[in-house]
Every structure is written in C-alpha cells, then in structure tokens.
Amino acid sequence: MPAFLLTSSLDPVDEVVVVRNARSASFVAALERIIPQTGAGLHPIDFSEVPGDLWVQDAVEIGRWCVASQPGVVQHLAVLPGLRAKHDGIRTEPLDRCIREHFEQLGAQVVVNPEAREHTRWIDWYGNLEVSPRVVERSGTEFPFGRVLSGVQSGLGLHPEVLTFLEEQGFQTPGTSG
C-alpha cells in the first residue's frame, strides 16, 4: 500500500520554488547567484497579481508518495494544496492556484484537497505544518521519517481533514509509527 510522507526541512533539496514579483525581485536575484552552487534547481514563479502574497511555504506542502516495488521503494512527487482561500480579507487563491498548477505540471499528485475553512486565520496555512528530522521520543517510539508538527491557537488547530489524512499514513504523526 502506498504511503504519503511529508519532507523534513533537513531533507536534500532538488528544487527551490520562490515567488518572483516587485517585492521579491532582489531576493530572487540573490538566489539565482547562490542556488547553482548547491546543485539544486531554482524555479521562480512570476506572480504579481497579488503583490503582497509571497509565501510558497503557506500555499503548498510538498511530500512523496512512496510505493514498495522490486527492488525497493519508488517515490512520486505529491503535494497538499493550499487552504488559504477563505482567509478574512486576504486574497490568496490566485497564488495558491498558480503554485498548485506548477506542481501539477511537474507531475505531482494532489493527495488531499479539503475545502478551505472560513475564519481560521493562518492556522490552516502550511507554514503551520512542519516535519522534524528523524526523531526518537523519550518513550522509545521512533519516527524514522520525521514527525508532523503543527500549532494550535485559541483551541483552533490545523484543518482536521489534513491531520486525519496524515494520521492515516501511520508514519509521521504523534502516537503512530510505521
């Protein structure tokens, strides 16, 4: 059975995706000088429709579908698309759509696509979803693929459909391991 794993911030980087617009142009220019030295690719997404929206990290979470095969495991690029569209007063859906289309053009599979919730502020944004590197809990429970981390504010946590999906994978969520 395939398993979806989110990438840790310490996993090797193949490609850096960044929004390029008037606010980020000098940053992207600096990346264009630095990134080739790392061996990774740089993919600026030109997007000026909403100049204040720059955050790829909030708009998509990158992972891999891992499928057992002979002689090992085959990995396919997969993404959790943005959930920011109903945020009070901020128009985020154009960038979310643009980034999703970028990953779909790369052949990424969208793994879960719940309806964005109203009035959740930033809590459903993927800047609120991270994965640790490999970790062993004090209890001895091992998370060899890292552990999912997300915040809670005023009793409101990350989108329940996303958390349920990640828990069902059984590899990176608290209380479970593969």
C-alpha atoms as a PDB file:
ATOM      1  CA  MET A   1       0.000   0.000   0.000  1.00  0.00           C
ATOM      2  CA  PRO A   2       1.445   3.450  -0.876  1.00  0.00           C
ATOM      3  CA  ALA A   3       2.273   5.880   1.897  1.00  0.00           C
ATOM      4  CA  PHE A   4       2.442   9.663   1.775  1.00  0.00           C
ATOM      5  CA  LEU A   5       5.393  11.234   3.584  1.00  0.00           C
ATOM      6  CA  LEU A   6       5.986  14.923   4.066  1.00  0.00           C
ATOM      7  CA  THR A   7       9.516  16.148   3.600  1.00  0.00           C
ATOM      8  CA  SER A   8      11.582  17.381   6.517  1.00  0.00           C
ATOM      9  CA  SER A   9      13.331  20.723   6.344  1.00  0.00           C
ATOM     10  CA  LEU A  10      16.599  18.745   6.540  1.00  0.00           C
ATOM     11  CA  ASP A  11      15.852  16.515   3.530  1.00  0.00           C
ATOM     12  CA  PRO A  12      18.040  17.082   0.460  1.00  0.00           C
ATOM     13  CA  VAL A  13      16.767  19.834  -1.824  1.00  0.00           C
ATOM     14  CA  ASP A  14      16.209  19.212  -5.528  1.00  0.00           C
ATOM     15  CA  GLU A  15      14.417  22.426  -6.422  1.00  0.00           C
ATOM     16  CA  VAL A  16      13.800  25.767  -4.738  1.00  0.00           C
ATOM     17  CA  VAL A  17      10.442  27.322  -5.615  1.00  0.00           C
ATOM     18  CA  VAL A  18      10.048  31.030  -4.963  1.00  0.00           C
ATOM     19  CA  VAL A  19       7.606  33.747  -5.957  1.00  0.00           C
ATOM     20  CA  ARG A  20       9.148  36.496  -8.083  1.00  0.00           C
ATOM     21  CA  ASN A  21       7.445  39.892  -8.079  1.00  0.00           C
ATOM     22  CA  ALA A  22       8.346  43.501  -7.300  1.00  0.00           C
ATOM     23  CA  ARG A  23       8.729  42.776  -3.580  1.00  0.00           C
ATOM     24  CA  SER A  24      10.924  39.705  -4.008  1.00  0.00           C
ATOM     25  CA  ALA A  25      12.960  40.538  -7.139  1.00  0.00           C
ATOM     26  CA  SER A  26      16.231  41.322  -5.312  1.00  0.00           C
ATOM     27  CA  PHE A  27      15.869  38.209  -3.132  1.00  0.00           C
ATOM     28  CA  VAL A  28      15.299  36.035  -6.208  1.00  0.00           C
ATOM     29  CA  ALA A  29      18.320  37.645  -7.910  1.00  0.00           C
ATOM     30  CA  ALA A  30      20.458  36.680  -4.904  1.00  0.00           C
ATOM     31  CA  LEU A  31      19.106  33.124  -5.056  1.00  0.00           C
ATOM     32  CA  GLU A  32      19.967  32.948  -8.762  1.00  0.00           C
ATOM     33  CA  ARG A  33      23.606  33.565  -7.784  1.00  0.00           C
ATOM     34  CA  ILE A  34      23.653  31.164  -4.815  1.00  0.00           C
ATOM     35  CA  ILE A  35      21.463  28.174  -5.732  1.00  0.00           C
ATOM     36  CA  PRO A  36      23.614  26.855  -8.632  1.00  0.00           C
ATOM     37  CA  GLN A  37      26.439  26.290  -6.126  1.00  0.00           C
ATOM     38  CA  THR A  38      24.230  23.816  -4.224  1.00  0.00           C
ATOM     39  CA  GLY A  39      23.379  21.610  -7.178  1.00  0.00           C
ATOM     40  CA  ALA A  40      19.664  22.308  -6.716  1.00  0.00           C
ATOM     41  CA  GLY A  41      17.456  23.934  -9.307  1.00  0.00           C
ATOM     42  CA  LEU A  42      15.721  27.266  -8.884  1.00  0.00           C
ATOM     43  CA  HIS A  43      12.207  27.784 -10.146  1.00  0.00           C
ATOM     44  CA  PRO A  44      10.925  31.341  -9.738  1.00  0.00           C
ATOM     45  CA  ILE A  45       7.185  31.631 -10.274  1.00  0.00           C
ATOM     46  CA  ASP A  46       6.425  35.030 -11.769  1.00  0.00           C
ATOM     47  CA  PHE A  47       3.367  36.250  -9.941  1.00  0.00           C
ATOM     48  CA  SER A  48       2.402  39.878  -9.479  1.00  0.00           C
ATOM     49  CA  GLU A  49      -1.391  39.579  -9.304  1.00  0.00           C
ATOM     50  CA  VAL A  50      -1.375  39.993  -5.521  1.00  0.00           C
ATOM     51  CA  PRO A  51       1.927  41.770  -4.788  1.00  0.00           C
ATOM     52  CA  GLY A  52       1.699  41.224  -1.041  1.00  0.00           C
ATOM     53  CA  ASP A  53       1.452  37.437  -1.290  1.00  0.00           C
ATOM     54  CA  LEU A  54       4.867  35.776  -1.486  1.00  0.00           C
ATOM     55  CA  TRP A  55       4.730  32.706   0.642  1.00  0.00           C
ATOM     56  CA  VAL A  56       5.055  29.404  -1.209  1.00  0.00           C
ATOM     57  CA  GLN A  57       5.523  27.746   2.201  1.00  0.00           C
ATOM     58  CA  ASP A  58       1.992  28.755   3.213  1.00  0.00           C
ATOM     59  CA  ALA A  59       0.422  27.756  -0.108  1.00  0.00           C
ATOM     60  CA  VAL A  60       1.585  24.147  -0.557  1.00  0.00           C
ATOM     61  CA  GLU A  61       3.158  21.326   1.410  1.00  0.00           C
ATOM     62  CA  ILE A  62       5.498  19.060  -0.547  1.00  0.00           C
ATOM     63  CA  GLY A  63       5.772  15.344   0.012  1.00  0.00           C
ATOM     64  CA  ARG A  64       6.201  11.998  -1.691  1.00  0.00           C
ATOM     65  CA  TRP A  65       4.022   9.002  -2.386  1.00  0.00           C
ATOM     66  CA  CYS A  66       6.199   6.025  -1.536  1.00  0.00           C
ATOM     67  CA  VAL A  67       5.296   2.726  -3.187  1.00  0.00           C
ATOM     68  CA  ALA A  68       7.013  -0.566  -2.442  1.00  0.00           C
ATOM     69  CA  SER A  69       8.378  -2.239  -5.558  1.00  0.00           C
ATOM     70  CA  GLN A  70      11.200  -4.517  -6.578  1.00  0.00           C
ATOM     71  CA  PRO A  71      13.987  -3.902  -5.647  1.00  0.00           C
ATOM     72  CA  GLY A  72      12.989  -1.088  -3.278  1.00  0.00           C
ATOM     73  CA  VAL A  73      10.698   1.895  -2.963  1.00  0.00           C
ATOM     74  CA  VAL A  74       9.547   4.151  -5.809  1.00  0.00           C
ATOM     75  CA  GLN A  75       8.824   7.748  -4.835  1.00  0.00           C
ATOM     76  CA  HIS A  76       6.485  10.135  -6.666  1.00  0.00           C
ATOM     77  CA  LEU A  77       6.183  13.868  -6.064  1.00  0.00           C
ATOM     78  CA  ALA A  78       2.955  14.795  -4.273  1.00  0.00           C
ATOM     79  CA  VAL A  79       1.531  17.945  -2.706  1.00  0.00           C
ATOM     80  CA  LEU A  80      -1.059  19.131  -0.242  1.00  0.00           C
ATOM     81  CA  PRO A  81      -2.634  22.172  -1.956  1.00  0.00           C
ATOM     82  CA  GLY A  82      -3.295  25.472  -0.188  1.00  0.00           C
ATOM     83  CA  LEU A  83      -6.168  26.006   2.213  1.00  0.00           C
ATOM     84  CA  ARG A  84      -5.929  29.774   2.429  1.00  0.00           C
ATOM     85  CA  ALA A  85      -8.708  30.866   0.060  1.00  0.00           C
ATOM     86  CA  LYS A  86     -11.239  31.840   2.732  1.00  0.00           C
ATOM     87  CA  HIS A  87      -8.881  33.818   4.931  1.00  0.00           C
ATOM     88  CA  ASP A  88     -10.544  37.000   6.160  1.00  0.00           C
ATOM     89  CA  GLY A  89      -9.667  39.960   3.975  1.00  0.00           C
ATOM     90  CA  ILE A  90      -6.696  38.485   2.086  1.00  0.00           C
ATOM     91  CA  ARG A  91      -6.954  37.196  -1.487  1.00  0.00           C
ATOM     92  CA  THR A  92      -4.693  34.160  -1.546  1.00  0.00           C
ATOM     93  CA  GLU A  93      -6.396  31.853  -4.017  1.00  0.00           C
ATOM     94  CA  PRO A  94      -4.600  33.218  -7.130  1.00  0.00           C
ATOM     95  CA  LEU A  95      -1.153  32.333  -5.754  1.00  0.00           C
ATOM     96  CA  ASP A  96      -2.376  29.030  -4.311  1.00  0.00           C
ATOM     97  CA  ARG A  97      -3.762  28.111  -7.751  1.00  0.00           C
ATOM     98  CA  CYS A  98      -0.573  29.200  -9.545  1.00  0.00           C
ATOM     99  CA  ILE A  99       1.655  27.129  -7.249  1.00  0.00           C
ATOM    100  CA  ARG A 100      -0.622  24.102  -7.484  1.00  0.00           C
ATOM    101  CA  GLU A 101      -0.512  24.328 -11.297  1.00  0.00           C
ATOM    102  CA  HIS A 102       3.310  24.498 -11.154  1.00  0.00           C
ATOM    103  CA  PHE A 103       3.490  21.233  -9.240  1.00  0.00           C
ATOM    104  CA  GLU A 104       0.835  19.563 -11.395  1.00  0.00           C
ATOM    105  CA  GLN A 105       2.927  20.444 -14.478  1.00  0.00           C
ATOM    106  CA  LEU A 106       5.826  18.644 -12.786  1.00  0.00           C
ATOM    107  CA  GLY A 107       3.606  15.570 -12.499  1.00  0.00           C
ATOM    108  CA  ALA A 108       2.875  15.929  -8.784  1.00  0.00           C
ATOM    109  CA  GLN A 109      -0.195  14.209  -7.428  1.00  0.00           C
ATOM    110  CA  VAL A 110      -2.563  16.227  -5.230  1.00  0.00           C
ATOM    111  CA  VAL A 111      -3.131  13.919  -2.271  1.00  0.00           C
ATOM    112  CA  VAL A 112      -5.871  15.583  -0.240  1.00  0.00           C
ATOM    113  CA  ASN A 113      -7.890  18.625  -1.154  1.00  0.00           C
ATOM    114  CA  PRO A 114     -10.285  19.601   1.646  1.00  0.00           C
ATOM    115  CA  GLU A 115     -12.488  22.652   1.495  1.00  0.00           C
ATOM    116  CA  ALA A 116     -10.846  25.734   2.995  1.00  0.00           C
ATOM    117  CA  ARG A 117     -12.456  26.780   6.270  1.00  0.00           C
ATOM    118  CA  GLU A 118     -13.711  30.300   6.946  1.00  0.00           C
ATOM    119  CA  HIS A 119     -12.333  32.499   9.715  1.00  0.00           C
ATOM    120  CA  THR A 120      -9.383  30.262  10.564  1.00  0.00           C
ATOM    121  CA  ARG A 121      -6.809  32.990  10.067  1.00  0.00           C
ATOM    122  CA  TRP A 122      -3.348  31.478   9.469  1.00  0.00           C
ATOM    123  CA  ILE A 123      -3.909  28.171  11.295  1.00  0.00           C
ATOM    124  CA  ASP A 124      -4.607  26.197   8.071  1.00  0.00           C
ATOM    125  CA  TRP A 125      -1.713  27.741   6.184  1.00  0.00           C
ATOM    126  CA  TYR A 126       1.101  25.270   5.630  1.00  0.00           C
ATOM    127  CA  GLY A 127       3.589  27.449   7.443  1.00  0.00           C
ATOM    128  CA  ASN A 128       1.789  25.832  10.397  1.00  0.00           C
ATOM    129  CA  LEU A 129       2.723  22.311   9.239  1.00  0.00           C
ATOM    130  CA  GLU A 130       6.298  21.097   9.519  1.00  0.00           C
ATOM    131  CA  VAL A 131       8.110  17.798   9.807  1.00  0.00           C
ATOM    132  CA  SER A 132      11.045  17.213  12.116  1.00  0.00           C
ATOM    133  CA  PRO A 133      14.030  15.193  11.020  1.00  0.00           C
ATOM    134  CA  ARG A 134      14.236  11.594  12.291  1.00  0.00           C
ATOM    135  CA  VAL A 135      13.369  11.536  15.994  1.00  0.00           C
ATOM    136  CA  VAL A 136      13.109   9.065  18.861  1.00  0.00           C
ATOM    137  CA  GLU A 137      10.703  10.011  21.643  1.00  0.00           C
ATOM    138  CA  ARG A 138      11.581   9.563  25.318  1.00  0.00           C
ATOM    139  CA  SER A 139       9.215   6.590  25.299  1.00  0.00           C
ATOM    140  CA  GLY A 140      11.388   4.943  22.661  1.00  0.00           C
ATOM    141  CA  THR A 141       8.890   5.430  19.819  1.00  0.00           C
ATOM    142  CA  GLU A 142      10.839   6.062  16.637  1.00  0.00           C
ATOM    143  CA  PHE A 143       9.818   8.312  13.780  1.00  0.00           C
ATOM    144  CA  PRO A 144      12.443   7.454  11.148  1.00  0.00           C
ATOM    145  CA  PHE A 145      10.768   9.724   8.587  1.00  0.00           C
ATOM    146  CA  GLY A 146      10.322  12.634  11.000  1.00  0.00           C
ATOM    147  CA  ARG A 147       7.313  13.700  12.993  1.00  0.00           C
ATOM    148  CA  VAL A 148       4.499  16.017  11.907  1.00  0.00           C
ATOM    149  CA  LEU A 149       4.330  19.235  13.903  1.00  0.00           C
ATOM    150  CA  SER A 150       1.557  21.826  13.836  1.00  0.00           C
ATOM    151  CA  GLY A 151       0.406  24.564  16.137  1.00  0.00           C
ATOM    152  CA  VAL A 152      -2.809  25.328  17.981  1.00  0.00           C
ATOM    153  CA  GLN A 153      -4.017  28.811  18.828  1.00  0.00           C
ATOM    154  CA  SER A 154      -7.060  29.607  20.957  1.00  0.00           C
ATOM    155  CA  GLY A 155      -8.168  25.983  20.652  1.00  0.00           C
ATOM    156  CA  LEU A 156      -8.066  26.019  16.839  1.00  0.00           C
ATOM    157  CA  GLY A 157      -5.693  23.577  15.150  1.00  0.00           C
ATOM    158  CA  LEU A 158      -4.734  22.669  11.617  1.00  0.00           C
ATOM    159  CA  HIS A 159      -7.512  21.559   9.256  1.00  0.00           C
ATOM    160  CA  PRO A 160      -8.916  18.272  10.645  1.00  0.00           C
ATOM    161  CA  GLU A 161      -9.117  16.570   7.222  1.00  0.00           C
ATOM    162  CA  VAL A 162      -5.410  17.204   6.646  1.00  0.00           C
ATOM    163  CA  LEU A 163      -4.497  15.903  10.114  1.00  0.00           C
ATOM    164  CA  THR A 164      -6.702  12.822   9.657  1.00  0.00           C
ATOM    165  CA  PHE A 165      -5.071  12.086   6.303  1.00  0.00           C
ATOM    166  CA  LEU A 166      -1.584  12.368   7.815  1.00  0.00           C
ATOM    167  CA  GLU A 167      -2.546  10.224  10.824  1.00  0.00           C
ATOM    168  CA  GLU A 168      -3.936   7.539   8.496  1.00  0.00           C
ATOM    169  CA  GLN A 169      -0.495   7.226   6.900  1.00  0.00           C
ATOM    170  CA  GLY A 170       0.824   5.902  10.230  1.00  0.00           C
ATOM    171  CA  PHE A 171       4.401   7.108   9.834  1.00  0.00           C
ATOM    172  CA  GLN A 172       4.876  10.731  10.912  1.00  0.00           C
ATOM    173  CA  THR A 173       2.127  11.579  13.368  1.00  0.00           C
ATOM    174  CA  PRO A 174       2.250  11.562  17.159  1.00  0.00           C
ATOM    175  CA  GLY A 175       1.136   8.291  18.658  1.00  0.00           C
ATOM    176  CA  THR A 176       1.810   6.340  15.467  1.00  0.00           C
ATOM    177  CA  SER A 177       4.824   4.966  13.697  1.00  0.00           C
ATOM    178  CA  GLY A 178       5.274   2.755  10.671  1.00  0.00           C
END
